[in-house]
Amino acid sequence: MEPHSPLYYVLTFIFRQILGQGHLGLRTPALLSASLVAPALYLLGRRLTTRRGALAAGFVAATVPYLTRHGQTARMYATAALLSVVATILYLRLVDSGTRRSAVLYALAAATGVWIHAFGVLIIVAHFAHAVVFERPWDTNRLRGVVSGFAAAVVGSLPVAWLVLVRVMSGQTAGGTPEFTVKTVWVTLQGLLKLGVWTGSYQTFDIVRELVALFVLLSVGGLGLRSLYAAEPNLIEDRAVTVPAVVGVVSLGIIAGVSFLIEPMWSGRRLAIVAPFLYLAVGVGAGRVKRERLSVVVVVGLVVVFSVGSLLFAAPVTRPAWDNGVDYLDANADGNDLVVSGNPHPQPEVEYYREDGDYRHVGIRYDWTSESVSSKVFGPETVWVIGYSERSDAARQILSESDQYRQKEMIEFNGGLLLTRYERSVAPASR
């Protein structure tokens, strides 16, 4: 289990008790969350813009490959995205009414988001910044409710802050040393590109597809905002513009600061809480294109393009492969075996939350040297290597070139997933 906020694991445990210990119980929380982002974003859009714009935002969220991919995983990112939208809806109710009930509901939603993923705190910070700069609820009645709502959300999030601090102090961080170089800037841009199409890859061809998808999103949003600006030059008071803008700028700014000053935190999946607000901005833009027919054509075009993208890029082939691979490990690996995957924690494909077998698991970090890999994989009588990334290939190469192990079995599942079993041929050298 990863050292993240604990609530998603509790949620997964509950679903597994109800739906069984297999893949259905494992993935249902993420699937439901991703499915609910679209209607939630529509409801948020209705508070901010026209019905056409809200529908456009919902359609984009329902079809964009990024959310489709996260809806297939056993991780908390789709749930974090959903709660960021729900918390924003309740934030707007809070600043509009300032009632005790709205304060309680906002605090519950915002704190729950933090308990799902620590990055949920970015939404609270963004809401506070928006309230101070744009809403200015200084009249006595609203001010008391708004302050109470934010204070309760912060207090409810403090235990998670303590858990994160313990993790940092114990060295259980995301990994890597922060540095401001051309490489880290490029990695930052790659993380942003994945908001359009999440391929889980950093190969050149995949990056080009992600760049095209993000360009389409931003172009459509920009087209509509240009029409909006022509009609209403003073956009500073328009919530449909300020809400997604503030959430995006504040959240991405804090993530960038943490990445370059403390530890690298840029990753396409960690931007899940920001993604719905990009789709909201696109919906606002598409819904406010001056010519209604053109607006409809733009929305339909987006839905078609991203529906095709979800079918092509959202891992419909590799998902059963990993299911079958993990099932095979659960049935054949025993408590003395070591399972090696190409990641220190489960990527969307690697469902090691589901360790029904007794085997041990180690993931290979991207910054590990050959010596680091060797120190982790050598020793057990039986070593299994699962994956198709460069890191899992590196483990296979080290084991194959070693005179201590011999390859005994290799299974290729659909989608190109490889599972390789190595048996130790000689006893380890005595120390």
Protein backbone atom coordinates (compact mmCIF):
# COMPACT_ATOMS: atom_id res chain seq x y z
CA MET A 1 0.00 0.00 0.00
CA GLU A 2 1.26 3.45 -0.88
CA PRO A 3 1.85 6.11 1.78
CA HIS A 4 -1.09 8.25 0.63
CA SER A 5 -4.09 9.58 2.53
CA PRO A 6 -5.92 6.56 3.99
CA LEU A 7 -9.59 7.10 3.14
CA TYR A 8 -9.50 5.64 -0.37
CA TYR A 9 -8.11 2.38 0.97
CA VAL A 10 -10.92 2.23 3.52
CA LEU A 11 -13.41 2.84 0.69
CA THR A 12 -11.83 0.09 -1.40
CA PHE A 13 -11.93 -2.30 1.56
CA ILE A 14 -15.68 -1.69 1.97
CA PHE A 15 -16.38 -2.28 -1.72
CA ARG A 16 -14.34 -5.49 -1.66
CA GLN A 17 -16.38 -6.78 1.26
CA ILE A 18 -19.58 -6.10 -0.70
CA LEU A 19 -18.54 -7.02 -4.26
CA GLY A 20 -15.87 -9.61 -3.54
CA GLN A 21 -12.09 -9.71 -3.45
CA GLY A 22 -11.64 -9.72 -7.22
CA HIS A 23 -11.24 -6.96 -9.76
CA LEU A 24 -14.84 -5.72 -9.51
CA GLY A 25 -14.52 -4.83 -5.85
CA LEU A 26 -11.07 -3.37 -6.44
CA ARG A 27 -11.96 -1.01 -9.29
CA THR A 28 -15.53 0.00 -8.59
CA PRO A 29 -14.68 3.06 -6.42
CA ALA A 30 -12.57 4.61 -9.19
CA LEU A 31 -15.10 3.65 -11.87
CA LEU A 32 -17.98 5.26 -9.99
CA SER A 33 -15.93 8.36 -9.26
CA ALA A 34 -14.89 8.87 -12.87
CA SER A 35 -18.48 8.32 -14.01
CA LEU A 36 -19.78 10.95 -11.59
CA VAL A 37 -17.27 13.65 -12.57
CA ALA A 38 -19.27 14.51 -15.70
CA PRO A 39 -22.65 15.13 -13.99
CA ALA A 40 -20.90 16.92 -11.12
CA LEU A 41 -19.10 19.18 -13.59
CA TYR A 42 -22.42 19.86 -15.31
CA LEU A 43 -23.92 20.97 -11.98
CA LEU A 44 -20.92 23.19 -11.34
CA GLY A 45 -21.23 24.60 -14.85
CA ARG A 46 -24.87 25.45 -14.31
CA ARG A 47 -23.86 27.68 -11.38
CA LEU A 48 -21.28 29.45 -13.52
CA THR A 49 -22.36 29.59 -17.14
CA THR A 50 -25.07 28.74 -19.67
CA ARG A 51 -26.74 25.36 -19.95
CA ARG A 52 -24.94 24.82 -23.25
CA GLY A 53 -21.59 25.52 -21.63
CA ALA A 54 -22.35 23.23 -18.69
CA LEU A 55 -23.35 20.42 -21.05
CA ALA A 56 -20.17 20.93 -23.06
CA ALA A 57 -18.04 20.66 -19.91
CA GLY A 58 -19.89 17.50 -18.85
CA PHE A 59 -19.52 15.90 -22.26
CA VAL A 60 -15.79 16.63 -22.37
CA ALA A 61 -15.31 15.16 -18.88
CA ALA A 62 -17.32 12.07 -19.86
CA THR A 63 -15.23 11.33 -22.94
CA VAL A 64 -11.71 12.68 -22.36
CA PRO A 65 -9.19 9.79 -22.21
CA TYR A 66 -7.49 11.16 -19.08
CA LEU A 67 -10.50 10.54 -16.83
CA THR A 68 -11.43 7.35 -18.67
CA ARG A 69 -8.01 5.95 -17.88
CA HIS A 70 -8.20 6.84 -14.20
CA GLY A 71 -11.64 5.30 -14.01
CA GLN A 72 -10.05 1.95 -14.85
CA THR A 73 -7.44 2.01 -12.12
CA ALA A 74 -7.33 0.89 -8.51
CA ARG A 75 -6.14 4.30 -7.34
CA MET A 76 -7.65 7.39 -5.81
CA TYR A 77 -7.15 9.98 -8.55
CA ALA A 78 -10.64 9.82 -10.11
CA THR A 79 -12.15 10.14 -6.64
CA ALA A 80 -9.91 13.13 -5.91
CA ALA A 81 -11.08 14.76 -9.15
CA LEU A 82 -14.74 14.18 -8.24
CA LEU A 83 -14.35 15.65 -4.76
CA SER A 84 -12.57 18.72 -6.10
CA VAL A 85 -15.66 19.47 -8.22
CA VAL A 86 -18.11 18.71 -5.40
CA ALA A 87 -16.15 20.88 -2.98
CA THR A 88 -16.21 23.75 -5.50
CA ILE A 89 -19.99 23.51 -5.90
CA LEU A 90 -20.35 23.70 -2.12
CA TYR A 91 -17.80 26.52 -1.95
CA LEU A 92 -19.98 28.63 -4.24
CA ARG A 93 -23.02 27.88 -2.06
CA LEU A 94 -20.99 28.90 0.97
CA VAL A 95 -19.89 32.28 -0.36
CA ASP A 96 -23.39 32.96 -1.69
CA SER A 97 -25.28 32.16 1.51
CA GLY A 98 -22.80 31.98 4.39
CA THR A 99 -25.17 29.71 6.34
CA ARG A 100 -24.05 27.21 8.95
CA ARG A 101 -25.33 24.32 6.86
CA SER A 102 -23.37 25.40 3.81
CA ALA A 103 -20.25 25.79 5.99
CA VAL A 104 -20.62 22.25 7.36
CA LEU A 105 -21.22 20.72 3.92
CA TYR A 106 -18.23 22.54 2.43
CA ALA A 107 -15.94 21.52 5.28
CA LEU A 108 -16.99 17.87 4.95
CA ALA A 109 -16.42 17.78 1.19
CA ALA A 110 -13.12 19.67 1.27
CA ALA A 111 -11.67 17.68 4.18
CA THR A 112 -12.81 14.40 2.59
CA GLY A 113 -10.91 15.39 -0.54
CA VAL A 114 -7.74 15.78 1.53
CA TRP A 115 -8.35 12.42 3.19
CA ILE A 116 -8.59 10.87 -0.28
CA HIS A 117 -5.38 12.54 -1.52
CA ALA A 118 -3.20 15.11 0.20
CA PHE A 119 -3.30 17.33 -2.89
CA GLY A 120 -6.92 18.06 -1.97
CA VAL A 121 -5.51 20.81 0.24
CA LEU A 122 -4.70 22.72 -2.96
CA ILE A 123 -8.43 23.06 -3.63
CA ILE A 124 -9.00 24.58 -0.18
CA VAL A 125 -6.16 27.06 -0.77
CA ALA A 126 -7.54 27.94 -4.21
CA HIS A 127 -11.05 28.47 -2.83
CA PHE A 128 -9.71 30.72 -0.09
CA ALA A 129 -7.74 32.76 -2.62
CA HIS A 130 -10.81 33.11 -4.84
CA ALA A 131 -12.98 34.17 -1.91
CA VAL A 132 -10.53 36.85 -0.79
CA VAL A 133 -9.75 38.25 -4.24
CA PHE A 134 -13.07 37.95 -6.07
CA GLU A 135 -15.95 37.23 -3.69
CA ARG A 136 -14.97 39.51 -0.76
CA PRO A 137 -17.70 38.30 1.65
CA TRP A 138 -17.11 41.12 4.11
CA ASP A 139 -20.68 41.62 5.27
CA THR A 140 -21.16 40.20 8.79
CA ASN A 141 -23.59 37.37 8.03
CA ARG A 142 -21.69 35.80 5.17
CA LEU A 143 -18.26 36.38 6.67
CA ARG A 144 -18.97 34.29 9.75
CA GLY A 145 -20.17 31.32 7.72
CA VAL A 146 -17.31 31.51 5.20
CA VAL A 147 -14.65 31.72 7.91
CA SER A 148 -16.27 28.83 9.79
CA GLY A 149 -16.37 26.68 6.66
CA PHE A 150 -12.71 27.22 5.82
CA ALA A 151 -11.60 26.79 9.45
CA ALA A 152 -13.49 23.50 9.78
CA ALA A 153 -12.04 22.22 6.49
CA VAL A 154 -8.50 23.02 7.66
CA VAL A 155 -9.02 21.38 11.07
CA GLY A 156 -10.47 18.29 9.42
CA SER A 157 -7.40 18.06 7.18
CA LEU A 158 -4.78 18.38 9.95
CA PRO A 159 -4.41 14.62 10.60
CA VAL A 160 -3.49 14.12 6.94
CA ALA A 161 -0.93 16.93 7.22
CA TRP A 162 0.61 15.08 10.16
CA LEU A 163 0.74 11.83 8.14
CA VAL A 164 2.44 13.63 5.24
CA LEU A 165 4.96 15.22 7.62
CA VAL A 166 5.77 11.82 9.12
CA ARG A 167 6.24 10.44 5.62
CA VAL A 168 8.63 13.24 4.64
CA MET A 169 10.60 12.99 7.88
CA SER A 170 10.99 9.22 7.45
CA GLY A 171 12.22 9.60 3.88
CA GLN A 172 9.16 8.01 2.23
CA THR A 173 8.91 10.66 -0.45
CA ALA A 174 7.98 10.63 -4.10
CA GLY A 175 11.65 10.30 -4.90
CA GLY A 176 14.33 12.26 -6.60
CA THR A 177 16.18 15.44 -5.84
CA PRO A 178 14.57 18.78 -6.79
CA GLU A 179 16.52 20.67 -9.42
CA PHE A 180 15.61 23.39 -11.87
CA THR A 181 17.02 22.13 -15.15
CA VAL A 182 15.88 21.77 -18.74
CA LYS A 183 15.06 18.14 -18.01
CA THR A 184 12.82 18.90 -15.02
CA VAL A 185 11.03 21.65 -16.95
CA TRP A 186 10.41 19.17 -19.77
CA VAL A 187 9.07 16.58 -17.30
CA THR A 188 6.78 19.31 -15.93
CA LEU A 189 5.39 20.00 -19.39
CA GLN A 190 4.89 16.28 -20.00
CA GLY A 191 2.78 16.06 -16.86
CA LEU A 192 0.57 18.87 -18.13
CA LEU A 193 0.23 17.26 -21.56
CA LYS A 194 -1.40 14.20 -20.02
CA LEU A 195 -4.50 16.19 -19.06
CA GLY A 196 -5.69 15.62 -22.62
CA VAL A 197 -4.68 12.02 -23.28
CA TRP A 198 -3.22 9.85 -20.53
CA THR A 199 -1.13 7.18 -22.26
CA GLY A 200 1.04 6.33 -19.26
CA SER A 201 4.05 6.71 -21.54
CA TYR A 202 6.76 9.26 -22.20
CA GLN A 203 7.66 8.02 -25.67
CA THR A 204 7.90 10.67 -28.40
CA PHE A 205 4.89 9.45 -30.37
CA ASP A 206 2.69 9.36 -27.28
CA ILE A 207 3.82 12.86 -26.28
CA VAL A 208 2.84 14.14 -29.73
CA ARG A 209 -0.65 12.67 -29.33
CA GLU A 210 -0.96 14.25 -25.89
CA LEU A 211 0.21 17.60 -27.24
CA VAL A 212 -2.38 17.51 -30.04
CA ALA A 213 -5.17 16.62 -27.57
CA LEU A 214 -4.24 19.41 -25.17
CA PHE A 215 -3.95 21.87 -28.07
CA VAL A 216 -7.49 20.98 -29.18
CA LEU A 217 -8.80 21.54 -25.65
CA LEU A 218 -7.09 24.87 -25.21
CA SER A 219 -8.01 26.06 -28.72
CA VAL A 220 -11.70 25.39 -28.18
CA GLY A 221 -11.64 27.06 -24.79
CA GLY A 222 -9.77 30.01 -26.22
CA LEU A 223 -12.18 30.32 -29.13
CA GLY A 224 -15.12 30.65 -26.78
CA LEU A 225 -13.36 32.96 -24.35
CA ARG A 226 -12.43 35.24 -27.22
CA SER A 227 -16.11 35.50 -28.17
CA LEU A 228 -16.95 36.08 -24.53
CA TYR A 229 -14.35 38.82 -24.21
CA ALA A 230 -15.65 40.54 -27.33
CA ALA A 231 -19.11 40.71 -25.75
CA GLU A 232 -18.00 41.36 -22.15
CA PRO A 233 -14.50 42.88 -21.97
CA ASN A 234 -14.57 42.89 -18.16
CA LEU A 235 -14.06 39.18 -17.42
CA ILE A 236 -12.67 39.81 -13.97
CA GLU A 237 -16.12 39.57 -12.39
CA ASP A 238 -17.22 36.48 -14.31
CA ARG A 239 -17.11 33.41 -12.07
CA ALA A 240 -17.10 31.13 -15.11
CA VAL A 241 -13.64 32.52 -15.83
CA THR A 242 -12.26 33.25 -12.38
CA VAL A 243 -13.10 29.92 -10.69
CA PRO A 244 -11.26 27.60 -13.10
CA ALA A 245 -8.48 30.17 -13.55
CA VAL A 246 -7.79 30.56 -9.82
CA VAL A 247 -7.98 26.82 -9.12
CA GLY A 248 -5.63 26.11 -12.01
CA VAL A 249 -3.10 28.86 -11.26
CA VAL A 250 -2.98 28.29 -7.49
CA SER A 251 -2.86 24.50 -7.66
CA LEU A 252 -0.31 24.29 -10.46
CA GLY A 253 1.75 27.06 -8.88
CA ILE A 254 1.98 25.26 -5.55
CA ILE A 255 2.78 21.93 -7.22
CA ALA A 256 5.52 23.61 -9.25
CA GLY A 257 6.96 25.27 -6.15
CA VAL A 258 7.02 22.00 -4.21
CA SER A 259 8.53 20.17 -7.19
CA PHE A 260 11.39 22.56 -7.70
CA LEU A 261 12.11 23.41 -4.04
CA ILE A 262 11.35 20.31 -1.94
CA GLU A 263 10.81 17.16 -4.01
CA PRO A 264 9.58 16.38 -7.55
CA MET A 265 5.79 16.06 -7.50
CA TRP A 266 4.99 16.53 -11.18
CA SER A 267 3.06 13.68 -12.65
CA GLY A 268 0.07 13.49 -14.95
CA ARG A 269 -1.94 11.53 -12.40
CA ARG A 270 -1.26 14.01 -9.57
CA LEU A 271 -2.94 16.74 -11.61
CA ALA A 272 -6.29 14.94 -11.39
CA ILE A 273 -7.75 17.53 -9.02
CA VAL A 274 -6.98 20.27 -11.57
CA ALA A 275 -8.15 18.43 -14.69
CA PRO A 276 -11.93 19.00 -14.27
CA PHE A 277 -11.38 22.76 -14.19
CA LEU A 278 -9.58 22.64 -17.53
CA TYR A 279 -12.60 20.80 -18.95
CA LEU A 280 -14.88 23.36 -17.29
CA ALA A 281 -12.98 26.19 -19.00
CA VAL A 282 -13.30 24.36 -22.32
CA GLY A 283 -17.04 23.94 -21.75
CA VAL A 284 -17.43 27.62 -20.90
CA GLY A 285 -15.57 28.52 -24.06
CA ALA A 286 -17.47 26.15 -26.31
CA GLY A 287 -20.81 27.22 -24.84
CA ARG A 288 -20.16 30.90 -25.41
CA VAL A 289 -19.06 30.81 -29.02
CA LYS A 290 -21.18 33.53 -30.65
CA ARG A 291 -22.64 31.42 -33.41
CA GLU A 292 -24.87 28.79 -31.86
CA ARG A 293 -24.48 26.29 -34.69
CA LEU A 294 -20.70 26.62 -34.55
CA SER A 295 -20.85 26.07 -30.80
CA VAL A 296 -22.84 22.86 -31.27
CA VAL A 297 -20.44 21.64 -33.95
CA VAL A 298 -17.48 22.33 -31.64
CA VAL A 299 -19.04 20.40 -28.74
CA VAL A 300 -20.03 17.44 -30.94
CA GLY A 301 -16.54 17.43 -32.45
CA LEU A 302 -14.93 17.33 -29.02
CA VAL A 303 -17.14 14.46 -27.91
CA VAL A 304 -16.37 12.42 -31.05
CA VAL A 305 -12.62 13.07 -30.92
CA PHE A 306 -12.22 12.25 -27.25
CA SER A 307 -14.56 9.25 -27.40
CA VAL A 308 -12.32 7.77 -30.08
CA GLY A 309 -9.28 8.76 -28.01
CA SER A 310 -10.65 6.97 -24.96
CA LEU A 311 -11.25 3.81 -26.99
CA LEU A 312 -7.73 3.91 -28.45
CA PHE A 313 -5.60 5.21 -25.59
CA ALA A 314 -7.32 4.25 -22.34
CA ALA A 315 -5.72 0.81 -22.04
CA PRO A 316 -8.68 -1.43 -22.93
CA VAL A 317 -6.20 -4.15 -23.99
CA THR A 318 -3.66 -3.95 -21.17
CA ARG A 319 -6.27 -3.96 -18.42
CA PRO A 320 -7.25 -7.66 -18.86
CA ALA A 321 -3.56 -8.46 -19.31
CA TRP A 322 -2.70 -7.13 -15.87
CA ASP A 323 -5.76 -8.81 -14.39
CA ASN A 324 -4.60 -12.14 -15.79
CA GLY A 325 -0.99 -11.53 -14.79
CA VAL A 326 -1.82 -10.73 -11.17
CA ASP A 327 -4.25 -13.69 -11.03
CA TYR A 328 -1.44 -15.95 -12.22
CA LEU A 329 0.91 -14.59 -9.56
CA ASP A 330 -1.69 -15.02 -6.83
CA ALA A 331 -2.12 -18.65 -7.84
CA ASN A 332 1.53 -19.61 -8.36
CA ALA A 333 3.84 -17.38 -6.29
CA ASP A 334 4.36 -18.38 -2.66
CA GLY A 335 5.53 -16.59 0.45
CA ASN A 336 9.23 -17.09 -0.30
CA ASP A 337 9.00 -15.64 -3.80
CA LEU A 338 9.83 -12.09 -4.82
CA VAL A 339 7.74 -10.26 -7.43
CA VAL A 340 9.46 -7.37 -9.23
CA SER A 341 7.52 -4.72 -11.17
CA GLY A 342 8.70 -1.68 -13.05
CA ASN A 343 7.54 0.79 -10.45
CA PRO A 344 7.92 1.42 -6.72
CA HIS A 345 4.16 1.63 -6.38
CA PRO A 346 1.18 0.58 -8.50
CA GLN A 347 0.83 2.52 -11.71
CA PRO A 348 -2.63 2.43 -13.31
CA GLU A 349 -1.71 -0.95 -14.80
CA VAL A 350 -0.06 -2.60 -11.78
CA GLU A 351 -2.79 -3.67 -9.40
CA TYR A 352 -0.61 -4.70 -6.48
CA TYR A 353 -3.17 -3.45 -4.02
CA ARG A 354 -4.56 -6.89 -4.61
CA GLU A 355 -1.86 -9.10 -3.12
CA ASP A 356 -4.04 -12.12 -2.43
CA GLY A 357 -0.90 -14.25 -2.73
CA ASP A 358 1.75 -14.30 -0.01
CA TYR A 359 4.61 -13.14 -2.19
CA ARG A 360 6.71 -10.07 -1.53
CA HIS A 361 6.73 -7.21 -4.02
CA VAL A 362 9.37 -4.64 -4.90
CA GLY A 363 9.09 -1.88 -7.47
CA ILE A 364 12.02 -0.43 -9.37
CA ARG A 365 12.37 3.33 -9.11
CA TYR A 366 13.19 5.33 -12.22
CA ASP A 367 16.39 6.69 -10.64
CA TRP A 368 17.80 3.35 -9.43
CA THR A 369 21.20 2.24 -10.71
CA SER A 370 22.03 -1.30 -11.79
CA GLU A 371 23.62 -1.84 -8.39
CA SER A 372 20.42 -0.73 -6.65
CA VAL A 373 18.33 -3.13 -8.74
CA SER A 374 20.74 -6.00 -8.09
CA SER A 375 20.62 -5.45 -4.35
CA LYS A 376 16.82 -5.74 -4.42
CA VAL A 377 16.30 -8.71 -6.73
CA PHE A 378 19.14 -11.06 -5.75
CA GLY A 379 18.65 -13.51 -2.90
CA PRO A 380 15.27 -15.32 -3.08
CA GLU A 381 15.00 -18.79 -4.56
CA THR A 382 12.35 -17.61 -7.04
CA VAL A 383 12.04 -14.16 -8.62
CA TRP A 384 9.12 -13.11 -10.83
CA VAL A 385 9.37 -10.03 -13.07
CA ILE A 386 6.15 -8.51 -14.41
CA GLY A 387 5.77 -5.53 -16.75
CA TYR A 388 6.81 -4.19 -20.11
CA SER A 389 8.58 -0.97 -19.12
CA GLU A 390 12.30 -0.21 -19.36
CA ARG A 391 12.61 -0.75 -15.60
CA SER A 392 11.16 -4.26 -15.64
CA ASP A 393 13.31 -5.01 -18.69
CA ALA A 394 16.36 -3.85 -16.71
CA ALA A 395 15.54 -6.34 -13.94
CA ARG A 396 15.19 -9.13 -16.51
CA GLN A 397 18.52 -8.24 -18.07
CA ILE A 398 20.32 -8.24 -14.73
CA LEU A 399 18.86 -11.62 -13.76
CA SER A 400 19.49 -13.14 -17.20
CA GLU A 401 23.13 -12.00 -17.25
CA SER A 402 23.75 -13.24 -13.73
CA ASP A 403 25.23 -16.70 -13.17
CA GLN A 404 23.06 -17.05 -10.05
CA TYR A 405 19.68 -17.29 -11.81
CA ARG A 406 18.19 -19.12 -14.74
CA GLN A 407 15.02 -18.23 -16.60
CA LYS A 408 12.45 -21.01 -16.18
CA GLU A 409 9.24 -19.55 -17.56
CA MET A 410 8.00 -16.63 -19.65
CA ILE A 411 4.35 -15.87 -20.30
CA GLU A 412 3.15 -13.13 -22.67
CA PHE A 413 -0.35 -11.91 -21.98
CA ASN A 414 -2.45 -9.93 -24.43
CA GLY A 415 -1.25 -6.35 -24.79
CA GLY A 416 2.41 -7.35 -24.63
CA LEU A 417 2.62 -7.83 -20.85
CA LEU A 418 5.45 -10.19 -19.91
CA LEU A 419 5.68 -12.32 -16.77
CA THR A 420 9.04 -14.04 -16.31
CA ARG A 421 10.07 -16.52 -13.61
CA TYR A 422 13.70 -17.00 -12.56
CA GLU A 423 15.03 -19.75 -10.29
CA ARG A 424 18.28 -19.46 -8.39
CA SER A 425 20.84 -21.87 -9.77
CA VAL A 426 23.63 -21.39 -7.23
CA ALA A 427 23.63 -20.46 -3.57
CA PRO A 428 24.33 -16.79 -2.81
CA ALA A 429 27.91 -15.96 -1.93
CA SER A 430 28.62 -16.02 1.80
CA ARG A 431 29.55 -12.78 3.46
